[in-house]
Amino acid sequence: MTKTIKNQKQAPAKPAVAITKLAGTPPPGKPVSASTSEIVEIVLPNDANLLGNMLGGRVMHLIDIAGALAANRHSNSHVVTASVDYLDFRFPIHVGEWIVLKSSVNRVFHTSMEVGVKVFAENILTGERRHTSTAYVTFVALDTSQQPRTVPPLIVKTADERRRYREAGERRRIRLAMRHKMPLAED
């Protein structure tokens, strides 16, 4: 009986070794287009303030969801929000309009990735769209033990994708300097 219990205790150690080996394998790269996402919702009165404009907190919530969708698609894993570098509200989104959120991965680091999210208000009668907000959100990919995991490299193809890749690197440099309270060094 003791021998049976001893064997049962040793059995779970083998899968953990297999998972470690798989985690060490570098994932193949993915193009930006593989994770580009879009969310569309109607703005209802419960999403708005007394002026009939969508609440900024509700917009931020949808930005986080849209960004996570692109990050999930790129990393094929659960992700958590690590930071929001920049968010501006240019124009209000009114009750009765569509809110359209477009997201795509701008750059991949080791376990994190920056996702750009553009927000539009669309008039449902005319189809007119206004660019209302932009946000840059950093997500960290997690493995099944909820530990950071390696993210597949990003394959950039177009001039716009290369520009966004470069700008994401600069935002990361500034973010890390601010986090560690270091002066920004000139390159």
Protein backbone atom coordinates (compact mmCIF):
# COMPACT_ATOMS: atom_id res chain seq x y z
CA MET A 1 0.00 0.00 0.00
CA THR A 2 2.83 2.39 0.79
CA LYS A 3 4.37 1.72 -2.61
CA THR A 4 1.13 2.65 -4.42
CA ILE A 5 0.86 5.97 -2.58
CA LYS A 6 4.50 6.72 -3.31
CA ASN A 7 3.98 6.16 -7.06
CA GLN A 8 0.90 8.37 -7.06
CA LYS A 9 2.84 11.22 -5.49
CA GLN A 10 5.62 10.99 -8.10
CA ALA A 11 3.33 10.90 -11.14
CA PRO A 12 2.38 14.63 -11.18
CA ALA A 13 6.05 15.70 -11.41
CA LYS A 14 6.41 14.36 -14.99
CA PRO A 15 3.83 16.69 -16.61
CA ALA A 16 5.48 19.72 -14.97
CA VAL A 17 8.78 18.81 -16.66
CA ALA A 18 7.01 18.48 -20.02
CA ILE A 19 5.37 21.91 -19.59
CA THR A 20 8.76 23.48 -18.78
CA LYS A 21 10.25 22.05 -21.96
CA LEU A 22 7.37 23.35 -24.06
CA ALA A 23 7.65 26.80 -22.47
CA GLY A 24 11.31 27.00 -23.52
CA THR A 25 10.48 26.50 -27.21
CA PRO A 26 10.48 29.86 -29.00
CA PRO A 27 7.04 30.53 -30.54
CA PRO A 28 6.81 31.33 -34.26
CA GLY A 29 6.25 34.95 -35.27
CA LYS A 30 2.84 36.36 -36.21
CA PRO A 31 1.95 39.29 -38.47
CA VAL A 32 0.05 42.31 -37.12
CA SER A 33 -2.97 41.26 -39.22
CA ALA A 34 -3.34 38.00 -37.23
CA SER A 35 -4.45 39.89 -34.13
CA THR A 36 -6.15 43.02 -35.48
CA SER A 37 -9.57 43.26 -33.85
CA GLU A 38 -12.70 45.42 -33.90
CA ILE A 39 -15.52 45.82 -31.38
CA VAL A 40 -18.72 47.74 -32.13
CA GLU A 41 -21.40 48.64 -29.58
CA ILE A 42 -24.35 51.01 -29.47
CA VAL A 43 -24.13 53.77 -26.85
CA LEU A 44 -27.15 53.52 -24.56
CA PRO A 45 -28.39 55.95 -21.88
CA ASN A 46 -26.93 53.82 -19.07
CA ASP A 47 -23.46 54.36 -20.68
CA ALA A 48 -23.81 58.15 -20.59
CA ASN A 49 -23.55 61.17 -18.31
CA LEU A 50 -26.26 63.82 -17.84
CA LEU A 51 -25.18 65.54 -21.07
CA GLY A 52 -25.86 62.42 -23.13
CA ASN A 53 -22.15 61.71 -23.72
CA MET A 54 -20.59 58.31 -23.13
CA LEU A 55 -18.81 58.06 -19.78
CA GLY A 56 -15.01 58.15 -20.01
CA GLY A 57 -14.76 55.19 -17.64
CA ARG A 58 -16.98 53.12 -19.93
CA VAL A 59 -14.79 54.05 -22.91
CA MET A 60 -11.71 53.02 -20.90
CA HIS A 61 -13.36 49.70 -20.02
CA LEU A 62 -14.04 48.95 -23.70
CA ILE A 63 -10.49 50.02 -24.64
CA ASP A 64 -9.13 47.48 -22.16
CA ILE A 65 -11.34 44.74 -23.63
CA ALA A 66 -10.46 45.62 -27.24
CA GLY A 67 -6.76 45.73 -26.41
CA ALA A 68 -6.91 42.42 -24.55
CA LEU A 69 -8.65 40.82 -27.54
CA ALA A 70 -5.74 41.71 -29.85
CA ALA A 71 -3.18 40.67 -27.20
CA ASN A 72 -4.96 37.33 -26.65
CA ARG A 73 -5.04 36.64 -30.36
CA HIS A 74 -1.35 37.40 -30.75
CA SER A 75 -0.10 35.49 -27.72
CA ASN A 76 -2.68 32.66 -27.67
CA SER A 77 -2.77 33.03 -23.90
CA HIS A 78 -4.48 34.89 -21.11
CA VAL A 79 -3.20 38.42 -20.66
CA VAL A 80 -3.29 41.05 -17.93
CA THR A 81 -3.14 44.81 -18.32
CA ALA A 82 0.22 46.15 -17.15
CA SER A 83 -0.13 49.83 -18.05
CA VAL A 84 -1.94 52.44 -20.08
CA ASP A 85 0.64 54.85 -21.47
CA TYR A 86 -1.62 57.33 -23.14
CA LEU A 87 -5.31 58.01 -23.51
CA ASP A 88 -6.98 61.12 -24.79
CA PHE A 89 -10.61 62.04 -25.34
CA ARG A 90 -10.84 64.26 -28.42
CA PHE A 91 -14.60 64.33 -28.98
CA PRO A 92 -17.62 63.01 -27.10
CA ILE A 93 -19.54 59.92 -28.18
CA HIS A 94 -23.30 60.52 -27.96
CA VAL A 95 -26.15 58.26 -26.95
CA GLY A 96 -27.47 56.52 -30.06
CA GLU A 97 -24.11 56.41 -31.85
CA TRP A 98 -21.96 53.34 -32.40
CA ILE A 99 -18.67 53.15 -30.56
CA VAL A 100 -16.10 51.40 -32.77
CA LEU A 101 -12.82 50.21 -31.24
CA LYS A 102 -9.99 49.01 -33.48
CA SER A 103 -6.99 47.34 -31.87
CA SER A 104 -3.72 45.83 -33.05
CA VAL A 105 -0.39 44.82 -31.57
CA ASN A 106 2.22 47.54 -32.13
CA ARG A 107 5.25 45.78 -30.68
CA VAL A 108 6.21 42.66 -28.74
CA PHE A 109 8.87 42.63 -26.08
CA HIS A 110 9.70 39.43 -24.14
CA THR A 111 6.54 38.66 -22.15
CA SER A 112 4.67 41.89 -22.88
CA MET A 113 3.18 43.60 -25.89
CA GLU A 114 1.92 47.09 -26.62
CA VAL A 115 -1.48 47.30 -28.25
CA GLY A 116 -2.80 50.44 -29.91
CA VAL A 117 -6.54 51.07 -29.66
CA LYS A 118 -8.32 53.68 -31.78
CA VAL A 119 -11.86 54.66 -30.84
CA PHE A 120 -14.42 56.08 -33.25
CA ALA A 121 -17.97 57.38 -32.91
CA GLU A 122 -20.17 56.43 -35.85
CA ASN A 123 -23.47 58.08 -36.68
CA ILE A 124 -25.81 55.16 -37.36
CA LEU A 125 -27.91 57.18 -39.85
CA THR A 126 -25.17 58.79 -41.96
CA GLY A 127 -22.24 56.42 -41.42
CA GLU A 128 -20.00 59.39 -40.56
CA ARG A 129 -17.10 58.43 -38.27
CA ARG A 130 -15.15 60.66 -35.88
CA HIS A 131 -11.87 59.57 -34.30
CA THR A 132 -12.61 60.22 -30.61
CA SER A 133 -9.82 58.53 -28.62
CA THR A 134 -6.48 56.78 -28.86
CA ALA A 135 -4.85 54.58 -26.22
CA TYR A 136 -1.65 52.56 -25.89
CA VAL A 137 -2.05 49.62 -23.53
CA THR A 138 0.64 47.14 -22.44
CA PHE A 139 -0.38 43.57 -21.69
CA VAL A 140 1.62 40.70 -20.19
CA ALA A 141 0.98 37.15 -21.43
CA LEU A 142 0.47 34.47 -18.77
CA ASP A 143 1.01 30.71 -18.81
CA THR A 144 -1.30 28.18 -17.14
CA SER A 145 0.36 28.90 -13.77
CA GLN A 146 -0.40 32.62 -14.21
CA GLN A 147 3.30 33.42 -14.65
CA PRO A 148 4.63 35.63 -17.48
CA ARG A 149 5.39 33.70 -20.64
CA THR A 150 7.25 34.40 -23.85
CA VAL A 151 5.19 36.09 -26.56
CA PRO A 152 5.59 35.23 -30.26
CA PRO A 153 7.60 37.84 -32.20
CA LEU A 154 5.67 40.41 -34.23
CA ILE A 155 6.14 40.41 -37.99
CA VAL A 156 5.81 43.95 -39.35
CA LYS A 157 5.25 44.32 -43.09
CA THR A 158 4.02 47.82 -43.95
CA ALA A 159 5.58 51.24 -43.44
CA ASP A 160 2.78 52.10 -40.99
CA GLU A 161 3.44 48.92 -38.98
CA ARG A 162 7.18 49.73 -38.86
CA ARG A 163 6.43 53.29 -37.68
CA ARG A 164 4.12 52.02 -34.92
CA TYR A 165 6.79 49.45 -33.94
CA ARG A 166 9.44 52.20 -33.56
CA GLU A 167 7.10 54.53 -31.65
CA ALA A 168 6.13 51.71 -29.26
CA GLY A 169 9.80 51.21 -28.43
CA GLU A 170 10.14 54.89 -27.57
CA ARG A 171 7.01 54.84 -25.39
CA ARG A 172 8.40 51.78 -23.56
CA ARG A 173 11.71 53.55 -22.95
CA ILE A 174 9.88 56.53 -21.44
CA ARG A 175 7.51 54.31 -19.41
CA LEU A 176 10.38 52.31 -17.90
CA ALA A 177 12.33 55.47 -17.10
CA MET A 178 9.29 56.91 -15.33
CA ARG A 179 8.65 53.66 -13.46
CA HIS A 180 12.20 53.59 -12.14
CA LYS A 181 12.34 57.39 -11.71
CA MET A 182 15.35 57.66 -14.01
CA PRO A 183 16.14 60.70 -16.15
CA LEU A 184 15.42 60.27 -19.84
CA ALA A 185 18.71 59.78 -21.64
CA GLU A 186 19.17 61.30 -25.06
CA ASP A 187 20.01 58.68 -27.72
